[in-house]
Structures are given as structure tokens and as C-alpha cells.
Protein backbone atom coordinates (compact mmCIF):
# COMPACT_ATOMS: atom_id res chain seq x y z
CA MET A 1 4.90 -19.19 29.58
CA ARG A 2 5.01 -15.40 29.81
CA SER A 3 2.52 -13.06 28.21
CA ALA A 4 3.85 -10.78 25.51
CA ALA A 5 2.08 -7.97 27.30
CA ASN A 6 4.48 -8.43 30.22
CA GLY A 7 7.61 -7.70 28.23
CA ALA A 8 6.74 -6.11 24.92
CA ALA A 9 5.60 -2.77 23.63
CA ALA A 10 1.89 -2.19 23.18
CA SER A 11 0.37 -2.83 19.78
CA SER A 12 -3.02 -2.57 18.15
CA SER A 13 -3.17 -6.31 17.49
CA SER A 14 -3.47 -8.74 20.38
CA THR A 15 -4.78 -12.24 20.85
CA SER A 16 -5.50 -14.41 23.82
CA ARG A 17 -5.04 -17.96 24.95
CA PRO A 18 -7.46 -20.05 26.99
CA GLY A 19 -7.62 -18.53 30.44
CA GLY A 20 -7.61 -14.95 29.21
CA THR A 21 -3.87 -14.16 29.06
CA HIS A 22 -3.25 -11.72 26.20
CA PHE A 23 -0.44 -12.14 23.67
CA ASN A 24 0.61 -9.30 21.44
CA VAL A 25 1.34 -10.84 18.03
CA ARG A 26 3.13 -7.80 16.62
CA ALA A 27 5.51 -7.71 19.58
CA LEU A 28 6.77 -11.26 19.17
CA GLY A 29 10.15 -10.02 17.96
CA ARG A 30 10.79 -8.70 21.45
CA ILE A 31 9.88 -12.05 22.97
CA ARG A 32 12.15 -13.95 20.59
CA SER A 33 15.13 -12.05 21.90
CA ARG A 34 14.67 -13.99 25.13
CA LYS A 35 15.95 -17.51 24.47
CA ASP A 36 14.22 -18.86 27.56
CA VAL A 37 10.73 -17.77 26.49
CA MET A 38 8.42 -19.70 24.17
CA ALA A 39 6.10 -17.47 22.18
CA LEU A 40 2.44 -18.11 21.50
CA VAL A 41 1.40 -17.04 18.01
CA LYS A 42 -2.32 -16.77 17.43
CA MET A 43 -4.06 -14.64 14.82
CA SER A 44 -7.60 -13.70 13.97
CA LYS A 45 -9.14 -14.78 10.67
CA LYS A 46 -8.89 -11.17 9.56
CA GLU A 47 -5.16 -11.00 10.28
CA VAL A 48 -3.93 -14.38 9.12
CA SER A 49 -4.48 -14.20 5.34
CA PRO A 50 -2.67 -10.86 4.86
CA TYR A 51 0.13 -12.10 7.09
CA LEU A 52 0.63 -15.29 5.06
CA GLU A 53 0.40 -13.47 1.74
CA ASP A 54 3.06 -11.04 2.94
CA LEU A 55 5.27 -13.85 4.23
CA GLN A 56 5.02 -15.74 0.94
CA LYS A 57 5.99 -12.58 -0.94
CA ARG A 58 9.03 -12.21 1.32
CA VAL A 59 9.98 -15.85 0.75
CA GLU A 60 9.69 -15.31 -3.01
CA ALA A 61 11.69 -12.07 -2.79
CA ARG A 62 14.45 -13.86 -0.92
CA TRP A 63 14.41 -16.61 -3.55
CA GLU A 64 14.66 -14.03 -6.33
CA LYS A 65 17.51 -12.22 -4.59
CA THR A 66 19.52 -15.37 -3.84
CA VAL A 67 18.61 -18.48 -5.84
CA GLU A 68 17.82 -16.77 -9.13
CA LYS A 69 21.01 -14.71 -8.93
CA THR A 70 23.34 -17.70 -8.52
CA ARG A 71 25.91 -18.48 -11.20
CA PHE A 72 24.11 -21.80 -11.61
CA MET A 73 20.78 -20.23 -12.59
CA ARG A 74 22.31 -17.45 -14.69
CA GLU A 75 24.31 -19.94 -16.74
CA LEU A 76 21.34 -22.30 -17.01
CA ASP A 77 19.29 -19.44 -18.47
CA SER A 78 21.94 -18.66 -21.07
CA GLY A 79 22.70 -22.28 -21.93
CA LYS A 80 26.29 -21.97 -20.69
CA LEU A 81 25.88 -24.33 -17.73
CA PRO A 82 27.60 -27.64 -18.56
CA LEU A 83 25.31 -30.65 -18.79
CA LYS A 84 27.52 -32.38 -16.21
CA THR A 85 26.64 -29.68 -13.68
CA ILE A 86 22.93 -30.13 -14.37
CA GLN A 87 23.35 -33.87 -13.88
CA VAL A 88 25.05 -33.34 -10.52
CA PHE A 89 22.18 -31.12 -9.40
CA TYR A 90 19.60 -33.60 -10.59
CA THR A 91 21.09 -36.55 -8.71
CA ASN A 92 20.94 -34.51 -5.49
CA TRP A 93 17.47 -33.19 -6.23
CA GLY A 94 16.26 -36.65 -7.19
CA ALA A 95 17.24 -37.99 -3.79
CA PHE A 96 15.41 -35.11 -2.10
CA VAL A 97 12.05 -35.56 -3.86
CA PRO A 98 10.99 -38.93 -2.35
CA VAL A 99 11.89 -37.64 1.11
CA ILE A 100 9.91 -34.40 0.91
CA ASN A 101 6.91 -36.21 -0.59
CA SER A 102 6.94 -38.85 2.13
CA LEU A 103 7.21 -36.19 4.85
CA TYR A 104 3.96 -34.74 3.54
CA THR A 105 2.18 -38.05 4.12
CA VAL A 106 3.62 -38.27 7.65
CA GLN A 107 1.67 -35.13 8.53
CA PHE A 108 -1.66 -36.91 8.38
CA TYR A 109 -0.65 -39.67 10.79
CA LYS A 110 1.42 -37.57 13.16
CA HIS A 111 -1.19 -34.81 13.42
CA LEU A 112 -4.30 -36.91 12.94
CA ALA A 113 -6.11 -35.10 15.77
CA PHE A 114 -5.82 -31.84 13.83
CA PHE A 115 -7.27 -33.32 10.65
CA VAL A 116 -10.16 -35.17 12.30
CA SER A 117 -10.97 -31.91 14.09
CA ASN A 118 -10.80 -30.04 10.76
CA VAL A 119 -12.44 -32.52 8.42
CA ASP A 120 -12.86 -29.93 5.66
CA LEU A 121 -9.07 -29.76 5.33
CA MET A 122 -8.86 -33.48 4.57
CA GLU A 123 -10.06 -32.79 1.02
CA THR A 124 -7.47 -30.06 0.53
CA TYR A 125 -4.75 -32.29 1.96
CA THR A 126 -5.76 -35.35 -0.09
CA HIS A 127 -5.83 -33.48 -3.39
CA LYS A 128 -2.12 -32.81 -3.02
CA VAL A 129 -1.49 -36.49 -2.17
CA LEU A 130 -3.32 -37.47 -5.37
CA ASP A 131 -1.23 -34.99 -7.32
CA GLU A 132 2.14 -36.03 -5.90
CA PHE A 133 1.52 -39.77 -6.08
CA GLY A 134 -1.07 -40.15 -8.84
CA HIS A 135 -0.50 -37.56 -11.57
CA PRO A 136 -0.01 -38.09 -14.45
CA ALA A 137 -0.07 -41.77 -13.37
CA PRO A 138 1.15 -43.73 -10.33
CA PRO A 139 3.66 -43.27 -8.76
CA GLY A 140 3.00 -39.66 -9.68
CA HIS A 141 5.68 -37.01 -9.85
CA ILE A 142 8.40 -39.59 -9.20
CA LYS A 143 7.53 -41.04 -12.61
CA ILE A 144 8.23 -37.79 -14.44
CA LEU A 145 11.22 -37.06 -12.19
CA ILE A 146 12.78 -40.26 -13.54
CA SER A 147 11.81 -39.68 -17.18
CA SER A 148 13.23 -36.14 -17.22
CA GLY A 149 16.39 -37.37 -15.50
CA GLU A 150 16.82 -40.12 -18.07
CA ALA A 151 16.50 -37.48 -20.81
CA LEU A 152 19.45 -35.73 -19.13
CA GLY A 153 21.52 -38.91 -19.40
CA LEU A 154 21.03 -40.35 -15.92
CA THR A 155 19.89 -43.76 -14.77
CA LYS A 156 17.04 -44.36 -12.35
CA GLU A 157 19.55 -45.44 -9.71
CA GLN A 158 21.62 -42.28 -10.15
CA ILE A 159 18.51 -40.13 -9.80
CA LEU A 160 17.06 -41.77 -6.71
CA THR A 161 19.79 -43.52 -4.74
CA GLN A 162 23.10 -41.73 -5.29
CA PRO A 163 24.44 -40.33 -1.98
CA MET A 164 23.76 -36.63 -1.61
CA MET A 165 26.42 -33.97 -1.21
CA PRO A 166 26.51 -32.64 2.38
CA GLU A 167 25.52 -29.18 1.16
CA ALA A 168 22.45 -30.67 -0.53
CA ARG A 169 21.52 -32.92 2.37
CA GLY A 170 21.08 -29.84 4.55
CA LEU A 171 17.75 -29.07 2.86
CA THR A 172 16.52 -32.64 3.19
CA ASP A 173 17.52 -32.97 6.82
CA PHE A 174 16.12 -29.57 7.80
CA HIS A 175 12.66 -30.64 6.66
CA ARG A 176 13.07 -34.05 8.26
CA THR A 177 14.14 -32.48 11.56
CA LEU A 178 11.12 -30.19 11.68
CA VAL A 179 8.77 -33.11 11.04
CA ASN A 180 10.39 -35.44 13.56
CA ASP A 181 11.21 -32.98 16.33
CA GLY A 182 8.95 -29.99 15.91
CA PRO A 183 5.29 -29.04 16.25
CA MET A 184 2.99 -29.13 13.24
CA HIS A 185 3.33 -25.52 12.14
CA GLU A 186 7.09 -25.77 11.58
CA TYR A 187 6.72 -28.23 8.71
CA TRP A 188 3.95 -26.26 7.02
CA ALA A 189 5.91 -23.01 7.32
CA SER A 190 8.94 -24.76 5.84
CA VAL A 191 7.17 -25.62 2.57
CA LEU A 192 6.06 -22.08 1.76
CA TRP A 193 8.95 -22.01 -0.72
CA GLU A 194 7.05 -24.35 -3.08
CA GLY A 195 5.57 -21.37 -4.88
CA ALA A 196 8.99 -19.85 -5.50
CA PHE A 197 10.33 -23.20 -6.70
CA GLY A 198 7.37 -23.53 -9.05
CA LEU A 199 8.16 -20.18 -10.63
CA SER A 200 11.80 -21.26 -10.99
CA CYS A 201 10.67 -24.45 -12.71
CA LEU A 202 9.41 -22.38 -15.63
CA ARG A 203 12.96 -21.08 -16.11
CA TRP A 204 14.23 -24.66 -15.98
CA PHE A 205 11.70 -25.79 -18.58
CA LYS A 206 12.52 -22.97 -20.96
CA ALA A 207 16.27 -23.49 -20.62
CA LEU A 208 16.17 -27.25 -21.07
CA THR A 209 13.98 -27.07 -24.17
CA LYS A 210 15.83 -24.12 -25.71
CA HIS A 211 19.47 -24.82 -24.93
CA TYR A 212 19.76 -28.49 -24.01
CA LYS A 213 17.58 -29.99 -26.74
CA LEU A 214 15.03 -31.67 -24.48
CA THR A 215 11.53 -31.91 -25.88
CA ALA A 216 8.61 -30.51 -23.92
CA GLU A 217 7.69 -34.06 -22.95
CA GLN A 218 11.22 -34.82 -21.76
CA ALA A 219 11.29 -31.67 -19.62
CA ASP A 220 7.82 -32.38 -18.28
CA TYR A 221 8.95 -32.66 -14.65
CA PHE A 222 9.61 -28.93 -14.59
CA HIS A 223 6.48 -28.04 -16.54
CA LYS A 224 4.30 -30.10 -14.20
CA HIS A 225 5.88 -28.51 -11.13
CA HIS A 226 5.44 -25.02 -12.47
CA GLU A 227 1.78 -25.89 -12.95
CA ALA A 228 1.27 -27.80 -9.68
CA ASP A 229 3.09 -25.38 -7.39
CA THR A 230 1.80 -22.08 -8.76
CA MET A 231 -1.70 -22.54 -10.17
CA ASP A 232 -4.94 -24.39 -9.56
CA HIS A 233 -5.11 -27.39 -11.88
CA LEU A 234 -7.15 -30.55 -12.45
CA GLY A 235 -9.78 -29.17 -10.10
CA ARG A 236 -7.18 -28.95 -7.31
CA GLU A 237 -5.55 -26.09 -5.48
CA ALA A 238 -1.98 -25.10 -6.29
CA HIS A 239 0.41 -26.71 -3.83
CA SER A 240 1.40 -23.28 -2.51
CA SER A 241 -2.29 -22.55 -1.88
CA VAL A 242 -2.75 -25.85 -0.02
CA THR A 243 0.05 -24.83 2.33
CA LYS A 244 -1.49 -21.44 3.07
CA HIS A 245 -4.93 -23.03 3.45
CA VAL A 246 -3.65 -25.32 6.21
CA LEU A 247 -1.51 -22.60 7.81
CA ARG A 248 -4.47 -20.26 8.09
CA ARG A 249 -6.26 -22.81 10.23
CA ILE A 250 -3.17 -23.62 12.29
CA LEU A 251 -2.43 -19.98 13.07
CA THR A 252 -6.01 -19.11 14.00
CA GLU A 253 -6.01 -22.03 16.43
CA GLY A 254 -2.66 -20.84 17.82
CA VAL A 255 0.84 -22.29 17.87
CA VAL A 256 3.73 -22.20 20.30
CA GLU A 257 7.13 -21.41 18.83
CA ARG A 258 9.93 -23.42 20.39
CA PRO A 259 13.20 -21.59 21.08
CA GLY A 260 15.46 -21.43 18.03
CA TYR A 261 12.69 -22.19 15.53
CA PRO A 262 10.52 -19.08 15.08
CA PHE A 263 7.83 -19.38 12.43
CA GLU A 264 9.48 -17.14 9.85
CA TYR A 265 12.85 -18.84 10.34
CA CYS A 266 11.23 -22.13 9.34
CA ALA A 267 9.80 -20.45 6.24
CA MET A 268 12.99 -18.70 5.09
CA THR A 269 15.70 -21.25 5.86
CA PRO A 270 14.84 -23.70 3.03
CA VAL A 271 15.47 -20.91 0.51
CA ASP A 272 18.99 -20.46 1.87
CA LEU A 273 19.60 -24.21 1.92
CA TYR A 274 18.42 -24.63 -1.67
CA CYS A 275 20.74 -21.79 -2.68
CA GLN A 276 23.56 -23.48 -0.78
CA MET A 277 22.94 -26.64 -2.79
CA LEU A 278 23.11 -24.81 -6.13
CA ASP A 279 26.33 -23.03 -5.18
CA ALA A 280 27.94 -26.27 -3.97
CA VAL A 281 26.91 -28.19 -7.09
CA TYR A 282 28.30 -25.43 -9.29
CA ASP A 283 31.61 -25.21 -7.43
CA LYS A 284 32.21 -28.96 -7.16
CA ALA A 285 31.26 -29.69 -10.75
CA ARG A 286 33.52 -26.90 -11.93
CA SER A 287 36.46 -28.19 -9.90
CA ASN A 288 35.80 -31.78 -11.07
CA ARG A 289 35.41 -32.99 -7.49
CA VAL A 290 32.23 -34.94 -8.23
């Protein structure tokens, strides 16, 4: 592995790896231009929190610029989106939810050495497990996913087991690929979009209760996710905060980016894939190809 200092411009922020080789964090863009070089990313405790806060803001800005500006979301807001289109989205989203939740649990087994070396993070990690699988009652968020889907006119089987559209499967398989093939930090970077999704859930909740005649209880999946993803609740951290909590520790210990999967790429790509799903659902429902 080459030092950033050997091929990048000088910067005021540098870190080091065991053995004393210095790596310039701010110059990593120069390293990434070399496909044959793997970059070490390591930050100080002072640097990491501002970096993650800035990255989350950029993820949310990208979400606002793309997802929230889709025809799907604009028509949902106004009540003009056909119920059939919402149903098509929900069957694809319903198939995604069990996968993304199960990938979270894989983290503990696959990266057990990290958690037993950072025992304090076990509590943070477990609180989210309790939320996803236990609140408001077992099996957790799957329970309200089903009940809100049924209020939209779908069966449990349609919500959970209907084959996904290829454009929707991209999001699912991107996360799965990072978990199966990549180092630990790629997965955690890839779920930074939870905060943006949580904010979007408030728009969903308002639209469904105002325009589509669902009660607050029937639209509870979106209310609960707005709450869980964006704010501390039930004595637990917001899911977006859990992610940053773990990432702070990962980045201060240092990670190696593999070629083709830089840290910020892993964080931003799910936003584009979610947007791709909304556009595909809208187009296919409109053309009656679903």
C-alpha cells in the first residue's frame, strides 16, 4: 500500500498507520484516481464527527434534490398519485425491508471481533435490534409494515414475497453485496441514508392520512419510521445516530477502501438506487406494465 504523502498534495490533516507511515486524509481524492491503489482512511476523534455530520448533510441534500423531486413524490404529496402506483411501490419496498433488517444482524456475527473489542457499542447496536424486531411488539417493524400494507389493499404475501422489479432489486442487492463482499465500513456507510428516509416518511404519513383516507394507526409504519430514523425515542438513539456512533469508532480505528468502493460512494449510491426505484415504479405503473 502506498502512502498518500507519496502521491498527493500536502494538507494540514494527516494520520498514520502502525509502523509510522503517514496518510493524508484530505488528499484521498488524488489516491482514488489510481485504480491500483487502496486508500487508508483514518481520522482523529476531533475530525471524525464533523466529517460524518457533513457527509450526512450531503446525503440528505442529494435525497432532497433527487428523491423528493421525483414525479412519484410530488404526486404523492398532492394526492394525485394513483393508489395502484403506491401499491406497486409497497410490494417492492416490502420485499426490501426483511433483507435490510437481516443484514443489520449479520454485522454482529461477521464483525464480532470489532464488537467484543468495543463492548460499549454493543448496547448501541442492540437497541436498534430491539427496535427493528421488538417494537411495538414482535416481530417489530415487520408487523406494522404488514398492517399498513393491508390498509393499502395488499395481502401479506404481496407485501413480503412478490418478486421485485429489477430497478428496485438494485438497492437490495447493493446492500447485500457490501455486506457479503466488503469490509465493515462499507455497510455502515451505506445506511447513512436512513435519516433522509425518515424525514421522507413524514411526507408519506401526511399524504396517506390526508389524501388516501388511512387513519394514523393504519399509516403507522411511516410514523414509526419517521420517529425511529430521525429522533431519539424509547430511551434509544435514532437509527441515524446509531450509524454515526458506530462509524465514528470505525473511522478512528482506520479503514482500507477497496478499489471501486470509496467510502462516500457507499454512502451516496443507495440514494440514487432508491430514486431509481421510485422512477421505475412510476413509469411501469403508468404504462400498465405491472
